[in-house]
Amino acid sequence: MISTSIRKFYDPTFVVSEQYKESLPDLQNGSASLIEGANVPIQQVGISNFKLPLKYPSPSGELLTLETSIDGYVGLDAGKKGINMGRIMRTFYKFKEDIFHPYKLRSLLEAYKEDLESQTAFLKLSFNYPMILKSLRSEYEGYQYYRVSLEGRIDEYDQFSCFMHLDFEYSSACPCSYELAEHARETRDVAAIPHSQRSVANVTVQLRDEIFVDELVFMCREALKTETQVIVKREDEQAFAELNGAYQKFVEDAARLLYEVLNEDHRIRDFVVRCAHLESLHSHDAVSRICKGVRNGLR
């Protein structure tokens, strides 16, 4: 039975004093005797997918404000029960009016280490980045959106590393299917259509210098040639068919073409690329994965 002396409703007039705050229980920052399980370090503890509208630069100087999903973590030493999760978000909010680019993450990670008294910290910002894409032959243009993440890490020696992740969608026409279709037409006068499919390159680059999202997109366009389109009229569809014919590619070709372009840019320290061709012939996907080959680097 609930005592009639207990107030059973929320009191909006109650004012929290410093003395009252000090009296509140704090299990997260309790003693090591409260630890459940093995008393060992944990590499990442924090919160995932809190959202803010953040500003990002573009090569034109225009600032883009984009809804961003944020993952923030710190390392937890052995002997500590937990961290103050709220500080992950509160610390980030101190920077919410700043302009975000890969190297901006360093100052945030240093603040995480200080505010949460941690040895290491990790941060990832994920957003959809808009760019205008002109139609191939008509006068139209539309917004193409790219899934992008900026990732930063700082270790116990204050060594900082940053990464950019990009998902780039393109079309891949199968060279083998093209030759078989041509063979059927030439030898038996049979209409045959080579198969092609929407494909995606998941590109991760480790940076040694600043780079715009737009520039990484341009590298992928230059390498693969057959980016998926936004607004298409008949003349654009014909042009796209011609592009696929001119730049047929197996999934292995796509990986090597991207390697060639990324490897030439001195601002990129390391990279790994995963290409997936979402097959229209098979019920499974064709996949290739390639890395720069830096010792102890991305794989």
Protein backbone atom coordinates (compact mmCIF):
# COMPACT_ATOMS: atom_id res chain seq x y z
CA MET A 1 0.00 0.00 0.00
CA ILE A 2 1.32 3.48 -0.92
CA SER A 3 1.64 5.82 1.99
CA THR A 4 -0.78 8.73 1.85
CA SER A 5 2.08 10.98 2.92
CA ILE A 6 3.92 10.45 -0.43
CA ARG A 7 3.10 13.02 -3.11
CA LYS A 8 1.94 11.15 -6.19
CA PHE A 9 2.31 13.92 -8.77
CA TYR A 10 5.01 15.96 -10.47
CA ASP A 11 5.63 19.32 -8.78
CA PRO A 12 6.63 21.95 -11.42
CA THR A 13 7.38 24.49 -8.68
CA PHE A 14 10.16 22.44 -7.10
CA VAL A 15 13.54 24.21 -7.38
CA VAL A 16 16.73 22.14 -7.41
CA SER A 17 19.42 23.55 -5.13
CA GLU A 18 23.14 22.75 -5.31
CA GLN A 19 22.80 20.89 -2.03
CA TYR A 20 19.97 18.80 -3.46
CA LYS A 21 22.00 17.98 -6.61
CA GLU A 22 24.90 16.83 -4.42
CA SER A 23 22.54 14.47 -2.60
CA LEU A 24 21.47 12.65 -5.80
CA PRO A 25 22.84 9.08 -6.20
CA ASP A 26 25.54 8.63 -8.89
CA LEU A 27 26.14 4.99 -9.73
CA GLN A 28 27.96 5.68 -13.01
CA ASN A 29 30.83 7.36 -11.20
CA GLY A 30 30.76 4.93 -8.30
CA SER A 31 33.61 2.84 -6.98
CA ALA A 32 35.21 -0.12 -8.75
CA SER A 33 33.39 -2.44 -6.34
CA LEU A 34 30.19 -1.69 -8.30
CA ILE A 35 31.60 -3.06 -11.58
CA GLU A 36 29.70 -6.01 -13.02
CA GLY A 37 31.73 -8.63 -14.86
CA ALA A 38 35.42 -8.39 -15.71
CA ASN A 39 37.21 -5.27 -14.48
CA VAL A 40 38.82 -4.49 -17.85
CA PRO A 41 38.99 -1.42 -20.13
CA ILE A 42 36.22 -0.83 -22.69
CA GLN A 43 37.34 0.62 -26.02
CA GLN A 44 34.18 2.65 -26.76
CA VAL A 45 31.36 3.83 -24.52
CA GLY A 46 28.98 6.62 -25.48
CA ILE A 47 25.84 7.43 -27.41
CA SER A 48 24.77 6.88 -31.01
CA ASN A 49 22.47 8.69 -33.42
CA PHE A 50 21.78 11.97 -31.68
CA LYS A 51 20.92 14.60 -34.26
CA LEU A 52 21.80 18.24 -34.92
CA PRO A 53 21.63 20.62 -37.91
CA LEU A 54 25.31 21.29 -38.63
CA LYS A 55 27.07 23.58 -41.13
CA TYR A 56 29.40 22.17 -43.78
CA PRO A 57 31.59 24.02 -46.31
CA SER A 58 31.49 23.63 -50.08
CA PRO A 59 34.11 24.59 -52.69
CA SER A 60 32.01 27.60 -53.73
CA GLY A 61 32.16 29.01 -50.21
CA GLU A 62 28.46 28.33 -49.60
CA LEU A 63 27.61 26.83 -46.22
CA LEU A 64 25.18 23.91 -46.21
CA THR A 65 23.13 23.20 -43.08
CA LEU A 66 22.40 19.48 -42.97
CA GLU A 67 20.67 17.19 -40.50
CA THR A 68 23.47 15.12 -39.02
CA SER A 69 23.42 11.87 -37.06
CA ILE A 70 26.22 11.81 -34.50
CA ASP A 71 27.98 8.93 -32.76
CA GLY A 72 30.27 9.92 -29.89
CA TYR A 73 32.34 7.54 -27.76
CA VAL A 74 35.23 7.59 -25.33
CA GLY A 75 37.40 4.84 -23.90
CA LEU A 76 36.65 3.62 -20.37
CA ASP A 77 39.57 2.60 -18.18
CA ALA A 78 39.57 -0.46 -15.95
CA GLY A 79 38.50 0.44 -12.43
CA LYS A 80 35.82 2.87 -13.59
CA LYS A 81 32.15 1.90 -13.40
CA GLY A 82 30.96 4.08 -16.30
CA ILE A 83 30.85 7.52 -17.90
CA ASN A 84 28.47 10.45 -17.75
CA MET A 85 26.61 9.82 -21.03
CA GLY A 86 25.03 13.29 -21.00
CA ARG A 87 28.44 14.93 -21.37
CA ILE A 88 28.85 13.37 -24.82
CA MET A 89 25.96 15.47 -26.09
CA ARG A 90 26.56 18.53 -23.88
CA THR A 91 30.18 18.78 -25.01
CA PHE A 92 29.15 18.56 -28.66
CA TYR A 93 26.58 21.32 -28.19
CA LYS A 94 29.41 23.73 -27.37
CA PHE A 95 30.50 23.39 -31.02
CA LYS A 96 27.07 23.29 -32.68
CA GLU A 97 27.47 26.69 -34.40
CA ASP A 98 30.89 25.84 -35.86
CA ILE A 99 31.62 24.88 -39.48
CA PHE A 100 32.38 21.18 -39.73
CA HIS A 101 35.10 19.64 -41.86
CA PRO A 102 37.27 16.56 -41.20
CA TYR A 103 40.01 18.31 -39.20
CA LYS A 104 37.44 20.20 -37.09
CA LEU A 105 36.80 16.92 -35.31
CA ARG A 106 40.13 17.13 -33.52
CA SER A 107 39.08 19.96 -31.21
CA LEU A 108 35.87 18.10 -30.37
CA LEU A 109 37.72 14.90 -29.56
CA GLU A 110 40.16 16.77 -27.33
CA ALA A 111 37.18 18.27 -25.49
CA TYR A 112 35.72 14.78 -25.04
CA LYS A 113 38.95 13.53 -23.52
CA GLU A 114 39.05 16.44 -21.09
CA ASP A 115 35.36 16.57 -20.17
CA LEU A 116 35.01 12.82 -19.69
CA GLU A 117 38.52 12.23 -18.31
CA SER A 118 39.21 9.57 -20.93
CA GLN A 119 42.33 8.37 -22.71
CA THR A 120 40.75 8.00 -26.16
CA ALA A 121 37.75 9.34 -28.08
CA PHE A 122 35.83 8.61 -31.29
CA LEU A 123 33.36 10.69 -33.28
CA LYS A 124 31.32 10.06 -36.43
CA LEU A 125 29.06 12.53 -38.25
CA SER A 126 26.71 11.07 -40.88
CA PHE A 127 24.60 13.11 -43.31
CA ASN A 128 23.19 13.28 -46.84
CA TYR A 129 25.18 15.75 -48.91
CA PRO A 130 23.34 17.42 -51.84
CA MET A 131 24.99 18.29 -55.16
CA ILE A 132 23.42 19.52 -58.39
CA LEU A 133 23.77 16.98 -61.21
CA LYS A 134 23.08 18.14 -64.76
CA SER A 135 21.26 15.84 -67.15
CA LEU A 136 23.45 14.31 -69.84
CA ARG A 137 21.88 15.99 -72.89
CA SER A 138 18.72 17.87 -71.91
CA GLU A 139 18.61 21.22 -70.14
CA TYR A 140 17.49 19.77 -66.81
CA GLU A 141 19.34 19.36 -63.55
CA GLY A 142 18.45 17.96 -60.14
CA TYR A 143 19.80 17.22 -56.67
CA GLN A 144 21.84 14.09 -56.21
CA TYR A 145 22.27 13.09 -52.55
CA TYR A 146 25.37 11.30 -51.28
CA ARG A 147 25.56 9.39 -48.02
CA VAL A 148 28.65 10.76 -46.26
CA SER A 149 30.32 10.28 -42.89
CA LEU A 150 33.19 12.17 -41.28
CA GLU A 151 35.02 10.13 -38.67
CA GLY A 152 37.67 11.15 -36.19
CA ARG A 153 39.73 9.27 -33.61
CA ILE A 154 42.23 10.42 -31.02
CA ASP A 155 44.39 8.04 -28.99
CA GLU A 156 46.05 8.13 -25.59
CA TYR A 157 49.06 9.95 -27.12
CA ASP A 158 46.83 12.68 -28.63
CA GLN A 159 47.49 11.37 -32.11
CA PHE A 160 44.57 12.29 -34.35
CA SER A 161 43.34 10.49 -37.46
CA CYS A 162 40.37 11.39 -39.63
CA PHE A 163 38.41 9.64 -42.35
CA MET A 164 35.72 10.39 -44.91
CA HIS A 165 33.21 7.75 -46.03
CA LEU A 166 31.19 8.11 -49.24
CA ASP A 167 28.58 5.90 -50.90
CA PHE A 168 28.68 6.47 -54.66
CA GLU A 169 26.01 4.91 -56.88
CA TYR A 170 26.68 4.05 -60.51
CA SER A 171 25.53 1.75 -63.30
CA SER A 172 27.59 -1.24 -64.39
CA ALA A 173 27.07 -2.91 -67.77
CA CYS A 174 28.51 -6.42 -67.91
CA PRO A 175 31.17 -6.83 -70.66
CA CYS A 176 30.47 -10.57 -70.92
CA SER A 177 26.73 -9.98 -71.34
CA TYR A 178 27.44 -7.34 -73.99
CA GLU A 179 29.60 -9.73 -76.06
CA LEU A 180 27.01 -12.53 -75.78
CA ALA A 181 24.22 -10.18 -76.87
CA GLU A 182 26.26 -9.03 -79.85
CA HIS A 183 27.04 -12.66 -80.74
CA ALA A 184 23.32 -13.54 -80.74
CA ARG A 185 22.53 -10.56 -82.98
CA GLU A 186 25.37 -11.20 -85.43
CA THR A 187 25.11 -15.00 -85.74
CA ARG A 188 21.35 -15.59 -85.39
CA ASP A 189 19.81 -12.14 -85.93
CA VAL A 190 18.24 -12.37 -82.44
CA ALA A 191 17.53 -9.27 -80.35
CA ALA A 192 19.38 -9.50 -77.02
CA ILE A 193 19.91 -6.92 -74.29
CA PRO A 194 23.12 -6.86 -72.24
CA HIS A 195 22.39 -6.68 -68.54
CA SER A 196 23.42 -3.77 -66.33
CA GLN A 197 22.59 -2.94 -62.75
CA ARG A 198 22.67 -0.24 -60.13
CA SER A 199 25.92 -0.54 -58.25
CA VAL A 200 27.47 1.13 -55.23
CA ALA A 201 31.02 1.94 -54.23
CA ASN A 202 31.60 2.35 -50.50
CA VAL A 203 34.71 4.52 -50.35
CA THR A 204 36.68 5.23 -47.16
CA VAL A 205 39.68 7.55 -47.26
CA GLN A 206 42.06 8.44 -44.46
CA LEU A 207 43.14 12.05 -44.89
CA ARG A 208 46.46 13.76 -44.41
CA ASP A 209 45.02 17.10 -45.58
CA GLU A 210 41.61 18.74 -46.01
CA ILE A 211 39.34 17.61 -48.82
CA PHE A 212 35.78 18.62 -49.76
CA VAL A 213 33.01 16.05 -50.17
CA ASP A 214 32.52 17.40 -53.68
CA GLU A 215 36.11 16.54 -54.59
CA LEU A 216 35.74 12.92 -53.53
CA VAL A 217 32.53 12.69 -55.55
CA PHE A 218 34.33 14.12 -58.60
CA MET A 219 37.06 11.47 -58.23
CA CYS A 220 34.45 8.71 -58.27
CA ARG A 221 32.72 10.24 -61.30
CA GLU A 222 36.02 10.49 -63.15
CA ALA A 223 36.91 6.88 -62.37
CA LEU A 224 33.58 5.19 -63.11
CA LYS A 225 31.90 7.51 -65.65
CA THR A 226 28.39 6.02 -65.27
CA GLU A 227 26.89 7.69 -62.20
CA THR A 228 23.15 7.18 -61.77
CA GLN A 229 21.07 10.14 -62.99
CA VAL A 230 18.45 12.44 -61.42
CA ILE A 231 16.21 13.94 -64.15
CA VAL A 232 16.08 11.99 -67.41
CA LYS A 233 14.40 12.69 -70.76
CA ARG A 234 14.64 10.42 -73.80
CA GLU A 235 17.84 12.02 -75.06
CA ASP A 236 19.38 11.58 -71.59
CA GLU A 237 18.35 7.94 -71.43
CA GLN A 238 19.96 7.34 -74.81
CA ALA A 239 23.13 9.08 -73.67
CA PHE A 240 23.20 6.94 -70.54
CA ALA A 241 22.87 3.77 -72.64
CA GLU A 242 25.80 4.98 -74.76
CA LEU A 243 27.87 5.68 -71.62
CA ASN A 244 27.21 2.19 -70.31
CA GLY A 245 28.25 0.78 -73.66
CA ALA A 246 31.44 2.83 -73.71
CA TYR A 247 32.37 2.10 -70.08
CA GLN A 248 31.39 -1.51 -69.47
CA LYS A 249 32.85 -2.88 -66.26
CA PHE A 250 33.12 -5.97 -64.13
CA VAL A 251 33.16 -5.38 -60.37
CA GLU A 252 36.93 -5.99 -60.44
CA ASP A 253 37.32 -3.21 -63.02
CA ALA A 254 35.39 -0.76 -60.84
CA ALA A 255 37.66 -1.40 -57.85
CA ARG A 256 40.84 -0.91 -59.89
CA LEU A 257 39.53 2.25 -61.58
CA LEU A 258 38.81 3.80 -58.18
CA TYR A 259 42.20 2.69 -56.87
CA GLU A 260 43.92 4.47 -59.76
CA VAL A 261 42.20 7.81 -59.05
CA LEU A 262 42.45 7.74 -55.25
CA ASN A 263 46.08 6.66 -55.27
CA GLU A 264 47.07 9.77 -57.24
CA ASP A 265 45.79 12.29 -54.67
CA HIS A 266 48.51 13.25 -52.17
CA ARG A 267 45.89 14.41 -49.63
CA ILE A 268 44.73 10.82 -49.17
CA ARG A 269 46.98 8.85 -46.81
CA ASP A 270 45.14 5.54 -47.11
CA PHE A 271 41.91 4.15 -48.53
CA VAL A 272 39.71 1.10 -48.84
CA VAL A 273 36.95 0.60 -51.43
CA ARG A 274 34.15 -1.95 -51.55
CA CYS A 275 32.24 -2.21 -54.84
CA ALA A 276 28.96 -4.12 -55.04
CA HIS A 277 27.13 -4.80 -58.31
CA LEU A 278 23.51 -5.59 -57.40
CA GLU A 279 23.09 -8.17 -60.11
CA SER A 280 20.13 -8.18 -62.48
CA LEU A 281 21.21 -11.60 -63.82
CA HIS A 282 21.88 -13.39 -60.53
CA SER A 283 19.99 -13.51 -57.25
CA HIS A 284 23.23 -12.60 -55.48
CA ASP A 285 25.57 -9.59 -55.69
CA ALA A 286 29.08 -9.38 -57.14
CA VAL A 287 31.55 -7.72 -54.74
CA SER A 288 35.16 -6.60 -54.83
CA ARG A 289 37.25 -4.94 -52.16
CA ILE A 290 40.54 -3.14 -52.61
CA CYS A 291 42.84 -1.12 -50.33
CA LYS A 292 45.86 1.09 -50.89
CA GLY A 293 48.09 -1.43 -49.16
CA VAL A 294 49.57 0.74 -46.39
CA ARG A 295 51.21 -1.42 -43.74
CA ASN A 296 48.83 -1.81 -40.76
CA GLY A 297 46.40 0.42 -42.65
CA LEU A 298 42.80 0.11 -43.81
CA ARG A 299 41.70 -3.33 -44.95
